[in-house]
Each structure stands twice: as C-alpha cells, then as structure tokens.
Amino acid sequence: MVIASERIIFVVIFLLVFGVLPFVLQVWLSKRESRYPGMVLPVLSLLFALVAVLGCVMYEYEKGDIFVLVIPFLLFNIPTVIHLTIYFACREKFSKKKQMDKLNVQDL
C-alpha cells in the first residue's frame, strides 16, 4: 500500500513538472518586456516535433506513406500551438498599452 501511494505521488509530481510548469513558464516569459524570451518554448517545441518526425522517417517511413510523417508532426505540435496562443494572448496587452501611450502623447 505504501509503494502504491509513493508511485501516485511520483506520477503527480512528474505530471506537474512536465505537464503544467512549461505553460506557466510560457506565461511568465511572454510577459517580459522583450518579445524574444516568450518565443523560446514554442521554438523548442517545434524543434522537438521536427526531431520526432525525423525519427519516424528513419525507422518507419515507407515511400508513399505520408501519414507516418503528418500524424506525429501534428501531435507533437499541439504544445507548440498552445505556447504560441499563450504568447500572442500575453503580447496583445503590450500592443494595447503601446497604443494607449501613443494616444496619450498625441493628446498632450
């Protein structure tokens, strides 16, 4: 019984670290003043998807079987899409703030 509860705790911690924290980190990076830190995780996620597709090409690809390439690429890019959505949602606030600053300067 003790071993089962330790495994459950380990799985919960593992899911938190690799499932939730990257998206929390993405929000934090996207809210930085510079736009480049917010693009780190989407780029890494895209590179990971490309490596996965290259692995499929090396081990499972047969000529004419395009689904062996497309399906893993789409599945591995789900986090990329989520990261980009978070990035653009956070950056939208910066663009609104810049527009308001320009409007305030013009009013003076």
N, C-alpha and C. Protein backbone atom coordinates (compact mmCIF):
# COMPACT_ATOMS: atom_id res chain seq x y z
N MET A 1 0.81 -1.19 0.00
CA MET A 1 0.00 0.00 0.00
C MET A 1 0.86 1.26 0.00
N VAL A 2 1.96 1.22 0.74
CA VAL A 2 2.84 2.37 0.82
C VAL A 2 3.52 2.60 -0.53
N ILE A 3 3.89 1.53 -1.21
CA ILE A 3 4.55 1.65 -2.51
C ILE A 3 3.60 2.27 -3.53
N ALA A 4 2.34 1.88 -3.51
CA ALA A 4 1.37 2.43 -4.46
C ALA A 4 1.18 3.93 -4.23
N SER A 5 1.11 4.37 -2.99
CA SER A 5 0.93 5.80 -2.73
C SER A 5 2.17 6.60 -3.12
N GLU A 6 3.35 6.01 -2.96
CA GLU A 6 4.58 6.68 -3.39
C GLU A 6 4.61 6.83 -4.90
N ARG A 7 4.13 5.83 -5.63
CA ARG A 7 4.08 5.91 -7.09
C ARG A 7 3.09 6.97 -7.54
N ILE A 8 1.95 7.06 -6.85
CA ILE A 8 0.96 8.06 -7.21
C ILE A 8 1.53 9.46 -6.98
N ILE A 9 2.22 9.66 -5.89
CA ILE A 9 2.84 10.95 -5.61
C ILE A 9 3.88 11.27 -6.68
N PHE A 10 4.67 10.29 -7.06
CA PHE A 10 5.69 10.49 -8.10
C PHE A 10 5.03 10.86 -9.43
N VAL A 11 3.94 10.20 -9.80
CA VAL A 11 3.26 10.49 -11.06
C VAL A 11 2.67 11.89 -11.04
N VAL A 12 2.09 12.29 -9.92
CA VAL A 12 1.52 13.64 -9.82
C VAL A 12 2.62 14.69 -9.94
N ILE A 13 3.72 14.50 -9.27
CA ILE A 13 4.83 15.44 -9.36
C ILE A 13 5.39 15.47 -10.78
N PHE A 14 5.52 14.32 -11.40
CA PHE A 14 6.02 14.25 -12.77
C PHE A 14 5.09 15.00 -13.73
N LEU A 15 3.78 14.80 -13.59
CA LEU A 15 2.83 15.49 -14.45
C LEU A 15 2.85 17.00 -14.22
N LEU A 16 3.03 17.42 -12.99
CA LEU A 16 3.12 18.84 -12.72
C LEU A 16 4.35 19.45 -13.37
N VAL A 17 5.48 18.78 -13.22
CA VAL A 17 6.72 19.33 -13.73
C VAL A 17 6.71 19.37 -15.26
N PHE A 18 6.29 18.31 -15.90
CA PHE A 18 6.37 18.25 -17.35
C PHE A 18 5.06 18.56 -18.06
N GLY A 19 3.98 18.72 -17.32
CA GLY A 19 2.70 19.00 -17.95
C GLY A 19 2.20 20.41 -17.75
N VAL A 20 2.39 20.95 -16.56
CA VAL A 20 1.81 22.25 -16.24
C VAL A 20 2.87 23.35 -16.21
N LEU A 21 4.00 23.07 -15.61
CA LEU A 21 5.02 24.11 -15.44
C LEU A 21 5.54 24.71 -16.74
N PRO A 22 5.68 23.97 -17.84
CA PRO A 22 6.10 24.65 -19.08
C PRO A 22 5.12 25.74 -19.53
N PHE A 23 3.85 25.54 -19.29
CA PHE A 23 2.88 26.54 -19.71
C PHE A 23 2.87 27.73 -18.75
N VAL A 24 3.12 27.48 -17.47
CA VAL A 24 3.28 28.58 -16.52
C VAL A 24 4.54 29.37 -16.86
N LEU A 25 5.60 28.67 -17.20
CA LEU A 25 6.84 29.33 -17.62
C LEU A 25 6.61 30.14 -18.90
N GLN A 26 5.80 29.63 -19.81
CA GLN A 26 5.50 30.35 -21.04
C GLN A 26 4.78 31.66 -20.75
N VAL A 27 3.83 31.64 -19.83
CA VAL A 27 3.13 32.87 -19.45
C VAL A 27 4.12 33.87 -18.86
N TRP A 28 4.99 33.40 -17.99
CA TRP A 28 5.96 34.29 -17.36
C TRP A 28 6.92 34.88 -18.39
N LEU A 29 7.41 34.05 -19.32
CA LEU A 29 8.33 34.54 -20.34
C LEU A 29 7.64 35.49 -21.32
N SER A 30 6.38 35.24 -21.62
CA SER A 30 5.66 36.08 -22.57
C SER A 30 5.36 37.45 -22.00
N LYS A 31 5.31 37.58 -20.71
CA LYS A 31 5.02 38.87 -20.08
C LYS A 31 6.26 39.73 -19.89
N ARG A 32 7.40 39.26 -20.34
CA ARG A 32 8.61 40.06 -20.27
C ARG A 32 8.50 41.23 -21.26
N GLU A 33 9.25 42.28 -21.02
CA GLU A 33 9.22 43.45 -21.89
C GLU A 33 9.72 43.12 -23.30
N SER A 34 10.80 42.34 -23.37
CA SER A 34 11.32 41.92 -24.66
C SER A 34 10.46 40.79 -25.21
N ARG A 35 10.31 40.74 -26.51
CA ARG A 35 9.46 39.71 -27.09
C ARG A 35 10.18 38.38 -27.30
N TYR A 36 11.49 38.37 -27.26
CA TYR A 36 12.24 37.16 -27.58
C TYR A 36 12.17 36.04 -26.53
N PRO A 37 12.19 36.33 -25.24
CA PRO A 37 12.10 35.21 -24.28
C PRO A 37 10.82 34.39 -24.41
N GLY A 38 9.74 35.02 -24.82
CA GLY A 38 8.48 34.30 -24.98
C GLY A 38 8.46 33.35 -26.15
N MET A 39 9.40 33.49 -27.06
CA MET A 39 9.45 32.60 -28.23
C MET A 39 10.35 31.39 -28.03
N VAL A 40 11.01 31.30 -26.88
CA VAL A 40 11.95 30.20 -26.64
C VAL A 40 11.21 28.85 -26.59
N LEU A 41 10.18 28.75 -25.79
CA LEU A 41 9.48 27.46 -25.65
C LEU A 41 8.74 27.04 -26.93
N PRO A 42 8.09 27.95 -27.67
CA PRO A 42 7.50 27.50 -28.93
C PRO A 42 8.54 26.98 -29.94
N VAL A 43 9.68 27.63 -29.99
CA VAL A 43 10.73 27.18 -30.91
C VAL A 43 11.27 25.82 -30.47
N LEU A 44 11.49 25.65 -29.18
CA LEU A 44 11.97 24.35 -28.68
C LEU A 44 10.94 23.24 -28.94
N SER A 45 9.69 23.57 -28.78
CA SER A 45 8.63 22.60 -29.03
C SER A 45 8.57 22.23 -30.51
N LEU A 46 8.74 23.21 -31.38
CA LEU A 46 8.76 22.93 -32.82
C LEU A 46 9.96 22.08 -33.20
N LEU A 47 11.12 22.37 -32.62
CA LEU A 47 12.30 21.55 -32.89
C LEU A 47 12.11 20.12 -32.41
N PHE A 48 11.47 19.96 -31.27
CA PHE A 48 11.18 18.62 -30.76
C PHE A 48 10.27 17.86 -31.72
N ALA A 49 9.28 18.55 -32.28
CA ALA A 49 8.38 17.92 -33.25
C ALA A 49 9.13 17.51 -34.51
N LEU A 50 10.05 18.36 -34.96
CA LEU A 50 10.84 18.01 -36.15
C LEU A 50 11.75 16.81 -35.89
N VAL A 51 12.32 16.73 -34.69
CA VAL A 51 13.15 15.58 -34.35
C VAL A 51 12.31 14.31 -34.31
N ALA A 52 11.10 14.41 -33.81
CA ALA A 52 10.20 13.24 -33.77
C ALA A 52 9.86 12.78 -35.19
N VAL A 53 9.61 13.71 -36.08
CA VAL A 53 9.31 13.35 -37.47
C VAL A 53 10.53 12.74 -38.14
N LEU A 54 11.70 13.28 -37.86
CA LEU A 54 12.91 12.70 -38.43
C LEU A 54 13.13 11.28 -37.91
N GLY A 55 12.79 11.04 -36.66
CA GLY A 55 12.87 9.69 -36.12
C GLY A 55 11.91 8.75 -36.83
N CYS A 56 10.72 9.24 -37.14
CA CYS A 56 9.77 8.42 -37.89
C CYS A 56 10.28 8.13 -39.29
N VAL A 57 10.93 9.10 -39.89
CA VAL A 57 11.49 8.90 -41.23
C VAL A 57 12.56 7.83 -41.20
N MET A 58 13.38 7.87 -40.18
CA MET A 58 14.49 6.92 -40.12
C MET A 58 14.03 5.49 -39.84
N TYR A 59 12.96 5.32 -39.07
CA TYR A 59 12.61 3.97 -38.64
C TYR A 59 11.33 3.41 -39.25
N GLU A 60 10.37 4.25 -39.61
CA GLU A 60 9.08 3.71 -40.02
C GLU A 60 8.62 4.15 -41.40
N TYR A 61 9.32 5.05 -42.05
CA TYR A 61 8.81 5.62 -43.29
C TYR A 61 8.98 4.67 -44.45
N GLU A 62 7.89 4.49 -45.19
CA GLU A 62 7.92 3.77 -46.45
C GLU A 62 7.44 4.74 -47.51
N LYS A 63 7.96 4.62 -48.71
CA LYS A 63 7.58 5.56 -49.76
C LYS A 63 6.08 5.56 -49.96
N GLY A 64 5.51 6.78 -50.03
CA GLY A 64 4.09 6.92 -50.26
C GLY A 64 3.24 6.92 -49.01
N ASP A 65 3.81 6.62 -47.86
CA ASP A 65 3.05 6.59 -46.61
C ASP A 65 3.25 7.92 -45.88
N ILE A 66 2.52 8.92 -46.31
CA ILE A 66 2.69 10.27 -45.79
C ILE A 66 2.12 10.42 -44.37
N PHE A 67 1.16 9.57 -43.99
CA PHE A 67 0.55 9.68 -42.66
C PHE A 67 1.55 9.36 -41.55
N VAL A 68 2.57 8.59 -41.84
CA VAL A 68 3.61 8.31 -40.86
C VAL A 68 4.37 9.58 -40.51
N LEU A 69 4.37 10.55 -41.41
CA LEU A 69 5.05 11.82 -41.15
C LEU A 69 4.09 12.89 -40.62
N VAL A 70 2.89 12.94 -41.16
CA VAL A 70 1.97 14.02 -40.82
C VAL A 70 1.39 13.86 -39.42
N ILE A 71 0.96 12.67 -39.08
CA ILE A 71 0.31 12.46 -37.79
C ILE A 71 1.25 12.77 -36.62
N PRO A 72 2.48 12.27 -36.59
CA PRO A 72 3.37 12.65 -35.47
C PRO A 72 3.69 14.15 -35.46
N PHE A 73 3.82 14.75 -36.65
CA PHE A 73 4.10 16.18 -36.69
C PHE A 73 2.95 16.98 -36.09
N LEU A 74 1.73 16.61 -36.41
CA LEU A 74 0.57 17.32 -35.85
C LEU A 74 0.44 17.08 -34.35
N LEU A 75 0.65 15.85 -33.92
CA LEU A 75 0.51 15.54 -32.49
C LEU A 75 1.59 16.23 -31.65
N PHE A 76 2.82 16.23 -32.16
CA PHE A 76 3.90 16.84 -31.39
C PHE A 76 3.86 18.36 -31.45
N ASN A 77 3.07 18.93 -32.35
CA ASN A 77 2.95 20.38 -32.42
C ASN A 77 1.77 20.93 -31.62
N ILE A 78 1.04 20.10 -30.94
CA ILE A 78 -0.04 20.59 -30.08
C ILE A 78 0.53 21.52 -28.99
N PRO A 79 1.61 21.16 -28.29
CA PRO A 79 2.18 22.11 -27.32
C PRO A 79 2.69 23.39 -27.99
N THR A 80 3.18 23.29 -29.22
CA THR A 80 3.65 24.48 -29.92
C THR A 80 2.50 25.45 -30.14
N VAL A 81 1.37 24.94 -30.54
CA VAL A 81 0.20 25.79 -30.77
C VAL A 81 -0.27 26.42 -29.45
N ILE A 82 -0.26 25.64 -28.38
CA ILE A 82 -0.66 26.18 -27.08
C ILE A 82 0.31 27.26 -26.62
N HIS A 83 1.62 27.02 -26.78
CA HIS A 83 2.61 28.02 -26.40
C HIS A 83 2.44 29.30 -27.21
N LEU A 84 2.21 29.18 -28.51
CA LEU A 84 2.03 30.37 -29.34
C LEU A 84 0.75 31.12 -28.98
N THR A 85 -0.30 30.39 -28.64
CA THR A 85 -1.54 31.03 -28.22
C THR A 85 -1.33 31.83 -26.94
N ILE A 86 -0.62 31.25 -26.00
CA ILE A 86 -0.30 31.96 -24.75
C ILE A 86 0.55 33.19 -25.06
N TYR A 87 1.53 33.03 -25.94
CA TYR A 87 2.44 34.13 -26.28
C TYR A 87 1.66 35.31 -26.87
N PHE A 88 0.83 35.04 -27.87
CA PHE A 88 0.11 36.12 -28.52
C PHE A 88 -0.96 36.73 -27.61
N ALA A 89 -1.53 35.95 -26.74
CA ALA A 89 -2.50 36.50 -25.78
C ALA A 89 -1.82 37.44 -24.80
N CYS A 90 -0.62 37.08 -24.35
CA CYS A 90 0.10 37.95 -23.41
C CYS A 90 0.67 39.18 -24.11
N ARG A 91 1.10 39.03 -25.34
CA ARG A 91 1.69 40.15 -26.06
C ARG A 91 0.64 41.16 -26.52
N GLU A 92 -0.60 40.72 -26.63
CA GLU A 92 -1.66 41.63 -27.04
C GLU A 92 -1.82 42.77 -26.04
N LYS A 93 -1.59 42.48 -24.79
CA LYS A 93 -1.68 43.51 -23.75
C LYS A 93 -0.60 44.57 -23.95
N PHE A 94 0.60 44.15 -24.41
CA PHE A 94 1.66 45.11 -24.65
C PHE A 94 1.32 46.02 -25.82
N SER A 95 0.71 45.46 -26.87
CA SER A 95 0.36 46.30 -28.02
C SER A 95 -0.74 47.29 -27.65
N LYS A 96 -1.70 46.89 -26.84
CA LYS A 96 -2.74 47.82 -26.38
C LYS A 96 -2.12 48.92 -25.52
N LYS A 97 -1.17 48.55 -24.68
CA LYS A 97 -0.52 49.54 -23.83
C LYS A 97 0.27 50.54 -24.68
N LYS A 98 0.96 50.07 -25.70
CA LYS A 98 1.71 50.97 -26.58
C LYS A 98 0.78 51.91 -27.33
N GLN A 99 -0.36 51.40 -27.77
CA GLN A 99 -1.34 52.25 -28.45
C GLN A 99 -1.88 53.32 -27.51
N MET A 100 -2.15 52.95 -26.28
CA MET A 100 -2.64 53.92 -25.31
C MET A 100 -1.58 54.98 -25.00
N ASP A 101 -0.32 54.57 -24.92
CA ASP A 101 0.76 55.52 -24.68
C ASP A 101 0.88 56.50 -25.84
N LYS A 102 0.77 56.00 -27.07
CA LYS A 102 0.82 56.88 -28.25
C LYS A 102 -0.35 57.86 -28.23
N LEU A 103 -1.52 57.38 -27.86
CA LEU A 103 -2.70 58.23 -27.80
C LEU A 103 -2.55 59.31 -26.74
N ASN A 104 -1.98 58.96 -25.60
CA ASN A 104 -1.75 59.93 -24.53
C ASN A 104 -0.73 60.98 -24.94
N VAL A 105 0.30 60.57 -25.66
CA VAL A 105 1.30 61.53 -26.14
C VAL A 105 0.69 62.47 -27.16
N GLN A 106 -0.15 61.96 -28.03
CA GLN A 106 -0.80 62.81 -29.03
C GLN A 106 -1.78 63.77 -28.39
N ASP A 107 -2.41 63.38 -27.29
CA ASP A 107 -3.34 64.26 -26.61
C ASP A 107 -2.64 65.45 -25.95
N LEU A 108 -1.40 65.24 -25.58
CA LEU A 108 -0.65 66.34 -24.95
C LEU A 108 -0.30 67.35 -26.00
